[in-house]
Amino acid sequence: MSCEPAEASPSDQQLASAFAGCLATTIRQADRLVASVFDERLRVIGLRGTQLTLLAGVAQLGNPSQSDLANATHTDPTTLSRNLDRLFERGLLDRVDCEHDRRVRRYVLTEAGRRTLGEAVPHWQAAQREIADRLGTDLCEVLGRVSRALAQS
């Protein structure tokens, strides 16, 4: 088989056309494009957008369990665990065993985590403005409504 790109067969094209307009694909593409802007802006302080979301989630929720944080941020368990471990290793979060249930660990911001969260604000704001400028007010509002509608179902 040649390593040169080949044109897809008509039957493959027809099969693939069944997936045209796939909402999952469209949303994932939009997510990747938005995430890349946030990741680029946050790189200067050594964070990714997913990690900032978790730091902010811990700050907002107080001392959430991993389950609490997963529910609040709609993050899958593997991604959540990997990013919590990285934040813990960097000293931005501490893990505290729950008194009532030893199987549950709660997460709290460290002083370094608070400083990093504070340092993230202007970079997050710049990314937020960039995306808002690209989309415009109307599409930003639509995106918010879409997210809220999906979260309710």
N, C-alpha and C. Protein backbone atom coordinates (compact mmCIF):
# COMPACT_ATOMS: atom_id res chain seq x y z
N MET A 1 0.84 -1.18 0.00
CA MET A 1 0.00 0.00 0.00
C MET A 1 0.89 1.25 0.00
N SER A 2 0.54 2.19 -0.80
CA SER A 2 1.30 3.43 -0.92
C SER A 2 1.09 4.29 0.32
N CYS A 3 2.10 5.08 0.64
CA CYS A 3 1.94 5.99 1.77
C CYS A 3 1.43 7.36 1.31
N GLU A 4 1.12 7.48 0.04
CA GLU A 4 0.53 8.71 -0.48
C GLU A 4 -0.95 8.73 -0.13
N PRO A 5 -1.50 9.91 0.12
CA PRO A 5 -2.94 9.97 0.42
C PRO A 5 -3.75 9.48 -0.79
N ALA A 6 -4.78 8.74 -0.50
CA ALA A 6 -5.65 8.23 -1.55
C ALA A 6 -7.02 8.88 -1.42
N GLU A 7 -7.71 8.97 -2.50
CA GLU A 7 -9.07 9.50 -2.46
C GLU A 7 -9.99 8.43 -1.89
N ALA A 8 -10.89 8.84 -1.03
CA ALA A 8 -11.82 7.89 -0.42
C ALA A 8 -12.74 7.32 -1.50
N SER A 9 -13.08 6.09 -1.32
CA SER A 9 -13.98 5.44 -2.28
C SER A 9 -15.38 6.03 -2.14
N PRO A 10 -16.16 5.96 -3.21
CA PRO A 10 -17.54 6.47 -3.12
C PRO A 10 -18.34 5.81 -2.01
N SER A 11 -18.15 4.53 -1.77
CA SER A 11 -18.92 3.86 -0.71
C SER A 11 -18.48 4.36 0.67
N ASP A 12 -17.16 4.62 0.85
CA ASP A 12 -16.69 5.18 2.11
C ASP A 12 -17.22 6.60 2.31
N GLN A 13 -17.22 7.39 1.24
CA GLN A 13 -17.75 8.75 1.33
C GLN A 13 -19.22 8.73 1.70
N GLN A 14 -19.97 7.81 1.10
CA GLN A 14 -21.40 7.70 1.40
C GLN A 14 -21.60 7.30 2.86
N LEU A 15 -20.82 6.35 3.33
CA LEU A 15 -20.90 5.92 4.72
C LEU A 15 -20.57 7.08 5.66
N ALA A 16 -19.51 7.79 5.36
CA ALA A 16 -19.10 8.91 6.20
C ALA A 16 -20.14 10.03 6.20
N SER A 17 -20.85 10.20 5.10
CA SER A 17 -21.85 11.27 5.02
C SER A 17 -22.99 11.07 6.02
N ALA A 18 -23.17 9.84 6.50
CA ALA A 18 -24.19 9.59 7.51
C ALA A 18 -23.89 10.35 8.80
N PHE A 19 -22.62 10.71 8.99
CA PHE A 19 -22.21 11.39 10.22
C PHE A 19 -22.03 12.90 10.03
N ALA A 20 -22.37 13.40 8.86
CA ALA A 20 -22.25 14.84 8.60
C ALA A 20 -23.12 15.61 9.60
N GLY A 21 -22.59 16.68 10.10
CA GLY A 21 -23.35 17.50 11.05
C GLY A 21 -23.40 16.92 12.45
N CYS A 22 -22.53 15.98 12.77
CA CYS A 22 -22.52 15.33 14.08
C CYS A 22 -22.31 16.38 15.18
N LEU A 23 -23.26 16.46 16.10
CA LEU A 23 -23.17 17.45 17.18
C LEU A 23 -21.99 17.17 18.10
N ALA A 24 -21.72 15.91 18.37
CA ALA A 24 -20.58 15.57 19.24
C ALA A 24 -19.28 16.06 18.63
N THR A 25 -19.11 15.82 17.33
CA THR A 25 -17.89 16.26 16.65
C THR A 25 -17.79 17.78 16.65
N THR A 26 -18.88 18.45 16.36
CA THR A 26 -18.89 19.91 16.33
C THR A 26 -18.54 20.50 17.69
N ILE A 27 -19.13 19.95 18.74
CA ILE A 27 -18.87 20.46 20.09
C ILE A 27 -17.44 20.16 20.51
N ARG A 28 -16.93 18.97 20.19
CA ARG A 28 -15.54 18.63 20.53
C ARG A 28 -14.56 19.55 19.80
N GLN A 29 -14.84 19.85 18.54
CA GLN A 29 -13.96 20.74 17.80
C GLN A 29 -13.96 22.14 18.43
N ALA A 30 -15.14 22.63 18.76
CA ALA A 30 -15.23 23.94 19.41
C ALA A 30 -14.50 23.92 20.75
N ASP A 31 -14.68 22.85 21.50
CA ASP A 31 -14.01 22.72 22.80
C ASP A 31 -12.50 22.76 22.63
N ARG A 32 -11.97 22.02 21.67
CA ARG A 32 -10.52 22.00 21.45
C ARG A 32 -9.99 23.37 21.04
N LEU A 33 -10.75 24.07 20.20
CA LEU A 33 -10.32 25.39 19.76
C LEU A 33 -10.32 26.39 20.91
N VAL A 34 -11.36 26.36 21.73
CA VAL A 34 -11.43 27.26 22.89
C VAL A 34 -10.35 26.88 23.89
N ALA A 35 -10.20 25.59 24.17
CA ALA A 35 -9.20 25.13 25.13
C ALA A 35 -7.79 25.54 24.71
N SER A 36 -7.51 25.51 23.42
CA SER A 36 -6.17 25.87 22.95
C SER A 36 -5.87 27.35 23.24
N VAL A 37 -6.87 28.20 23.15
CA VAL A 37 -6.67 29.62 23.47
C VAL A 37 -6.36 29.77 24.96
N PHE A 38 -7.15 29.13 25.80
CA PHE A 38 -6.92 29.22 27.25
C PHE A 38 -5.58 28.59 27.63
N ASP A 39 -5.27 27.43 27.06
CA ASP A 39 -3.99 26.78 27.37
C ASP A 39 -2.81 27.66 26.98
N GLU A 40 -2.90 28.30 25.83
CA GLU A 40 -1.82 29.17 25.38
C GLU A 40 -1.64 30.35 26.32
N ARG A 41 -2.74 30.96 26.74
CA ARG A 41 -2.66 32.12 27.64
C ARG A 41 -2.16 31.74 29.03
N LEU A 42 -2.52 30.53 29.49
CA LEU A 42 -2.16 30.10 30.84
C LEU A 42 -0.77 29.45 30.91
N ARG A 43 -0.22 29.13 29.76
CA ARG A 43 1.08 28.45 29.72
C ARG A 43 2.15 29.21 30.50
N VAL A 44 2.10 30.53 30.47
CA VAL A 44 3.10 31.36 31.13
C VAL A 44 3.16 31.09 32.64
N ILE A 45 2.08 30.62 33.23
CA ILE A 45 2.11 30.29 34.67
C ILE A 45 2.08 28.78 34.90
N GLY A 46 2.26 28.02 33.84
CA GLY A 46 2.38 26.57 33.97
C GLY A 46 1.09 25.83 34.20
N LEU A 47 -0.03 26.41 33.80
CA LEU A 47 -1.32 25.75 33.95
C LEU A 47 -1.96 25.49 32.60
N ARG A 48 -2.83 24.52 32.59
CA ARG A 48 -3.71 24.28 31.44
C ARG A 48 -5.11 24.71 31.89
N GLY A 49 -5.96 24.94 30.92
CA GLY A 49 -7.32 25.36 31.25
C GLY A 49 -8.05 24.38 32.15
N THR A 50 -7.86 23.09 31.90
CA THR A 50 -8.53 22.08 32.74
C THR A 50 -8.06 22.18 34.19
N GLN A 51 -6.78 22.46 34.39
CA GLN A 51 -6.25 22.58 35.74
C GLN A 51 -6.78 23.83 36.43
N LEU A 52 -6.89 24.92 35.68
CA LEU A 52 -7.45 26.15 36.24
C LEU A 52 -8.90 25.91 36.66
N THR A 53 -9.65 25.20 35.84
CA THR A 53 -11.04 24.89 36.18
C THR A 53 -11.12 24.15 37.51
N LEU A 54 -10.20 23.21 37.72
CA LEU A 54 -10.21 22.44 38.96
C LEU A 54 -9.78 23.29 40.16
N LEU A 55 -8.75 24.12 39.99
CA LEU A 55 -8.35 25.01 41.08
C LEU A 55 -9.50 25.94 41.46
N ALA A 56 -10.14 26.52 40.47
CA ALA A 56 -11.27 27.42 40.73
C ALA A 56 -12.42 26.65 41.37
N GLY A 57 -12.63 25.41 40.94
CA GLY A 57 -13.68 24.58 41.53
C GLY A 57 -13.42 24.29 42.99
N VAL A 58 -12.19 23.98 43.33
CA VAL A 58 -11.84 23.73 44.74
C VAL A 58 -12.04 25.01 45.54
N ALA A 59 -11.62 26.14 44.99
CA ALA A 59 -11.79 27.42 45.68
C ALA A 59 -13.27 27.72 45.91
N GLN A 60 -14.08 27.44 44.92
CA GLN A 60 -15.51 27.74 45.02
C GLN A 60 -16.23 26.80 45.97
N LEU A 61 -15.87 25.52 45.94
CA LEU A 61 -16.59 24.52 46.73
C LEU A 61 -16.04 24.36 48.14
N GLY A 62 -14.89 24.91 48.43
CA GLY A 62 -14.31 24.79 49.76
C GLY A 62 -13.36 23.63 49.85
N ASN A 63 -13.84 22.50 50.25
CA ASN A 63 -12.98 21.31 50.35
C ASN A 63 -13.74 20.12 49.74
N PRO A 64 -13.90 20.14 48.43
CA PRO A 64 -14.71 19.11 47.78
C PRO A 64 -14.02 17.75 47.73
N SER A 65 -14.85 16.72 47.67
CA SER A 65 -14.33 15.39 47.38
C SER A 65 -14.09 15.32 45.88
N GLN A 66 -13.44 14.27 45.43
CA GLN A 66 -13.22 14.09 44.00
C GLN A 66 -14.57 13.98 43.28
N SER A 67 -15.51 13.31 43.90
CA SER A 67 -16.85 13.16 43.32
C SER A 67 -17.56 14.51 43.21
N ASP A 68 -17.47 15.32 44.27
CA ASP A 68 -18.07 16.66 44.25
C ASP A 68 -17.50 17.49 43.10
N LEU A 69 -16.19 17.42 42.97
CA LEU A 69 -15.50 18.21 41.94
C LEU A 69 -15.85 17.71 40.54
N ALA A 70 -15.94 16.39 40.38
CA ALA A 70 -16.32 15.82 39.08
C ALA A 70 -17.71 16.29 38.68
N ASN A 71 -18.63 16.26 39.62
CA ASN A 71 -20.00 16.70 39.33
C ASN A 71 -20.07 18.19 39.01
N ALA A 72 -19.35 18.99 39.77
CA ALA A 72 -19.40 20.45 39.57
C ALA A 72 -18.76 20.89 38.27
N THR A 73 -17.70 20.18 37.85
CA THR A 73 -16.96 20.60 36.66
C THR A 73 -17.28 19.76 35.43
N HIS A 74 -18.11 18.74 35.60
CA HIS A 74 -18.46 17.83 34.49
C HIS A 74 -17.20 17.25 33.86
N THR A 75 -16.28 16.81 34.72
CA THR A 75 -15.01 16.26 34.27
C THR A 75 -15.03 14.74 34.45
N ASP A 76 -14.57 14.02 33.44
CA ASP A 76 -14.56 12.56 33.54
C ASP A 76 -13.52 12.13 34.58
N PRO A 77 -13.74 10.97 35.22
CA PRO A 77 -12.87 10.54 36.33
C PRO A 77 -11.39 10.43 35.98
N THR A 78 -11.05 9.95 34.80
CA THR A 78 -9.64 9.80 34.43
C THR A 78 -8.96 11.15 34.30
N THR A 79 -9.59 12.07 33.58
CA THR A 79 -9.04 13.42 33.42
C THR A 79 -8.94 14.12 34.77
N LEU A 80 -9.98 13.97 35.58
CA LEU A 80 -9.99 14.61 36.89
C LEU A 80 -8.84 14.09 37.76
N SER A 81 -8.71 12.79 37.84
CA SER A 81 -7.67 12.19 38.68
C SER A 81 -6.28 12.61 38.22
N ARG A 82 -6.03 12.56 36.92
CA ARG A 82 -4.72 12.93 36.37
C ARG A 82 -4.38 14.39 36.70
N ASN A 83 -5.35 15.29 36.52
CA ASN A 83 -5.09 16.70 36.76
C ASN A 83 -4.99 17.02 38.24
N LEU A 84 -5.79 16.36 39.08
CA LEU A 84 -5.66 16.56 40.52
C LEU A 84 -4.29 16.11 41.01
N ASP A 85 -3.81 14.97 40.48
CA ASP A 85 -2.47 14.49 40.84
C ASP A 85 -1.41 15.52 40.47
N ARG A 86 -1.52 16.10 39.27
CA ARG A 86 -0.53 17.11 38.84
C ARG A 86 -0.57 18.34 39.73
N LEU A 87 -1.77 18.78 40.10
CA LEU A 87 -1.89 19.95 40.97
C LEU A 87 -1.36 19.65 42.36
N PHE A 88 -1.61 18.44 42.84
CA PHE A 88 -1.10 18.00 44.14
C PHE A 88 0.43 17.95 44.10
N GLU A 89 1.01 17.36 43.04
CA GLU A 89 2.46 17.26 42.91
C GLU A 89 3.13 18.63 42.86
N ARG A 90 2.44 19.60 42.29
CA ARG A 90 2.99 20.97 42.21
C ARG A 90 2.79 21.74 43.51
N GLY A 91 2.10 21.13 44.47
CA GLY A 91 1.87 21.80 45.75
C GLY A 91 0.76 22.82 45.71
N LEU A 92 -0.11 22.76 44.71
CA LEU A 92 -1.21 23.72 44.59
C LEU A 92 -2.46 23.26 45.33
N LEU A 93 -2.54 21.95 45.58
CA LEU A 93 -3.65 21.37 46.33
C LEU A 93 -3.10 20.43 47.39
N ASP A 94 -3.86 20.30 48.47
CA ASP A 94 -3.59 19.27 49.47
C ASP A 94 -4.76 18.30 49.48
N ARG A 95 -4.46 17.07 49.87
CA ARG A 95 -5.51 16.05 50.05
C ARG A 95 -5.69 15.84 51.55
N VAL A 96 -6.93 15.81 51.97
CA VAL A 96 -7.25 15.62 53.38
C VAL A 96 -8.21 14.44 53.48
N ASP A 97 -7.88 13.48 54.35
CA ASP A 97 -8.77 12.34 54.56
C ASP A 97 -10.03 12.80 55.29
N CYS A 98 -11.16 12.25 54.88
CA CYS A 98 -12.44 12.56 55.51
C CYS A 98 -12.53 11.81 56.84
N GLU A 99 -12.94 12.50 57.88
CA GLU A 99 -13.05 11.89 59.20
C GLU A 99 -14.09 10.77 59.24
N HIS A 100 -15.19 10.95 58.53
CA HIS A 100 -16.32 10.02 58.60
C HIS A 100 -16.20 8.83 57.66
N ASP A 101 -15.42 8.99 56.60
CA ASP A 101 -15.30 7.93 55.61
C ASP A 101 -13.88 7.95 55.06
N ARG A 102 -13.07 7.00 55.46
CA ARG A 102 -11.67 6.96 55.07
C ARG A 102 -11.47 6.77 53.57
N ARG A 103 -12.51 6.34 52.87
CA ARG A 103 -12.39 6.16 51.42
C ARG A 103 -12.44 7.50 50.69
N VAL A 104 -12.93 8.53 51.36
CA VAL A 104 -13.11 9.84 50.72
C VAL A 104 -11.96 10.76 51.10
N ARG A 105 -11.39 11.39 50.06
CA ARG A 105 -10.39 12.43 50.28
C ARG A 105 -10.97 13.74 49.80
N ARG A 106 -10.66 14.78 50.52
CA ARG A 106 -11.12 16.11 50.15
C ARG A 106 -9.90 16.91 49.71
N TYR A 107 -10.15 17.87 48.84
CA TYR A 107 -9.07 18.69 48.29
C TYR A 107 -9.23 20.12 48.78
N VAL A 108 -8.10 20.73 49.15
CA VAL A 108 -8.08 22.12 49.60
C VAL A 108 -6.94 22.85 48.89
N LEU A 109 -7.16 24.12 48.64
CA LEU A 109 -6.10 24.95 48.05
C LEU A 109 -4.99 25.18 49.07
N THR A 110 -3.77 25.11 48.61
CA THR A 110 -2.63 25.52 49.43
C THR A 110 -2.42 27.01 49.19
N GLU A 111 -1.51 27.60 49.94
CA GLU A 111 -1.17 29.01 49.70
C GLU A 111 -0.63 29.18 48.28
N ALA A 112 0.19 28.23 47.84
CA ALA A 112 0.71 28.29 46.47
C ALA A 112 -0.43 28.19 45.46
N GLY A 113 -1.44 27.40 45.77
CA GLY A 113 -2.60 27.28 44.90
C GLY A 113 -3.37 28.58 44.82
N ARG A 114 -3.52 29.24 45.96
CA ARG A 114 -4.21 30.55 45.97
C ARG A 114 -3.43 31.58 45.16
N ARG A 115 -2.11 31.60 45.33
CA ARG A 115 -1.28 32.55 44.56
C ARG A 115 -1.40 32.27 43.06
N THR A 116 -1.32 30.99 42.70
CA THR A 116 -1.40 30.62 41.28
C THR A 116 -2.76 30.99 40.72
N LEU A 117 -3.80 30.75 41.48
CA LEU A 117 -5.14 31.12 41.03
C LEU A 117 -5.24 32.63 40.83
N GLY A 118 -4.65 33.39 41.74
CA GLY A 118 -4.62 34.85 41.58
C GLY A 118 -3.81 35.28 40.36
N GLU A 119 -2.66 34.62 40.14
CA GLU A 119 -1.84 34.93 38.97
C GLU A 119 -2.55 34.59 37.67
N ALA A 120 -3.46 33.63 37.72
CA ALA A 120 -4.16 33.18 36.52
C ALA A 120 -5.20 34.18 36.03
N VAL A 121 -5.69 35.03 36.92
CA VAL A 121 -6.80 35.92 36.57
C VAL A 121 -6.55 36.74 35.31
N PRO A 122 -5.46 37.49 35.19
CA PRO A 122 -5.30 38.30 33.97
C PRO A 122 -5.14 37.45 32.70
N HIS A 123 -4.52 36.29 32.84
CA HIS A 123 -4.35 35.41 31.67
C HIS A 123 -5.69 34.81 31.26
N TRP A 124 -6.49 34.43 32.25
CA TRP A 124 -7.82 33.91 31.98
C TRP A 124 -8.67 35.01 31.33
N GLN A 125 -8.59 36.22 31.86
CA GLN A 125 -9.37 37.33 31.30
C GLN A 125 -8.98 37.59 29.85
N ALA A 126 -7.70 37.51 29.55
CA ALA A 126 -7.25 37.72 28.16
C ALA A 126 -7.80 36.64 27.25
N ALA A 127 -7.78 35.40 27.69
CA ALA A 127 -8.34 34.31 26.89
C ALA A 127 -9.84 34.48 26.72
N GLN A 128 -10.50 34.85 27.78
CA GLN A 128 -11.95 35.08 27.75
C GLN A 128 -12.29 36.17 26.73
N ARG A 129 -11.53 37.27 26.77
CA ARG A 129 -11.77 38.37 25.82
C ARG A 129 -11.52 37.91 24.38
N GLU A 130 -10.45 37.14 24.17
CA GLU A 130 -10.14 36.67 22.82
C GLU A 130 -11.27 35.83 22.26
N ILE A 131 -11.77 34.90 23.04
CA ILE A 131 -12.87 34.05 22.58
C ILE A 131 -14.13 34.88 22.38
N ALA A 132 -14.41 35.77 23.31
CA ALA A 132 -15.60 36.63 23.19
C ALA A 132 -15.52 37.51 21.94
N ASP A 133 -14.32 38.02 21.65
CA ASP A 133 -14.15 38.84 20.44
C ASP A 133 -14.37 38.02 19.18
N ARG A 134 -13.89 36.78 19.19
CA ARG A 134 -14.06 35.92 18.02
C ARG A 134 -15.53 35.55 17.81
N LEU A 135 -16.23 35.27 18.90
CA LEU A 135 -17.62 34.80 18.78
C LEU A 135 -18.63 35.94 18.70
N GLY A 136 -18.38 37.01 19.41
CA GLY A 136 -19.35 38.09 19.49
C GLY A 136 -20.36 37.80 20.60
N THR A 137 -21.06 38.82 21.02
CA THR A 137 -21.97 38.74 22.15
C THR A 137 -23.08 37.71 21.92
N ASP A 138 -23.70 37.73 20.75
CA ASP A 138 -24.82 36.83 20.49
C ASP A 138 -24.41 35.36 20.62
N LEU A 139 -23.30 34.98 20.00
CA LEU A 139 -22.87 33.58 20.06
C LEU A 139 -22.41 33.19 21.47
N CYS A 140 -21.82 34.12 22.21
CA CYS A 140 -21.45 33.83 23.59
C CYS A 140 -22.70 33.53 24.42
N GLU A 141 -23.75 34.30 24.21
CA GLU A 141 -25.01 34.05 24.92
C GLU A 141 -25.61 32.71 24.52
N VAL A 142 -25.58 32.40 23.23
CA VAL A 142 -26.09 31.10 22.75
C VAL A 142 -25.29 29.97 23.38
N LEU A 143 -23.99 30.11 23.41
CA LEU A 143 -23.14 29.08 23.99
C LEU A 143 -23.49 28.84 25.46
N GLY A 144 -23.72 29.90 26.19
CA GLY A 144 -24.13 29.79 27.60
C GLY A 144 -25.46 29.07 27.73
N ARG A 145 -26.40 29.41 26.87
CA ARG A 145 -27.72 28.74 26.91
C ARG A 145 -27.59 27.26 26.56
N VAL A 146 -26.77 26.94 25.57
CA VAL A 146 -26.56 25.54 25.19
C VAL A 146 -25.97 24.76 26.37
N SER A 147 -24.96 25.31 27.01
CA SER A 147 -24.32 24.64 28.13
C SER A 147 -25.31 24.41 29.27
N ARG A 148 -26.10 25.42 29.60
CA ARG A 148 -27.09 25.28 30.68
C ARG A 148 -28.16 24.24 30.33
N ALA A 149 -28.59 24.24 29.08
CA ALA A 149 -29.61 23.28 28.64
C ALA A 149 -29.08 21.85 28.71
N LEU A 150 -27.85 21.64 28.28
CA LEU A 150 -27.27 20.30 28.34
C LEU A 150 -27.05 19.84 29.78
N ALA A 151 -26.69 20.77 30.66
CA ALA A 151 -26.45 20.43 32.06
C ALA A 151 -27.75 20.03 32.77
N GLN A 152 -28.87 20.55 32.31
CA GLN A 152 -30.17 20.25 32.94
C GLN A 152 -30.72 18.90 32.54
N SER A 153 -30.27 18.37 31.42
CA SER A 153 -30.87 17.12 30.96
C SER A 153 -30.24 15.91 31.58
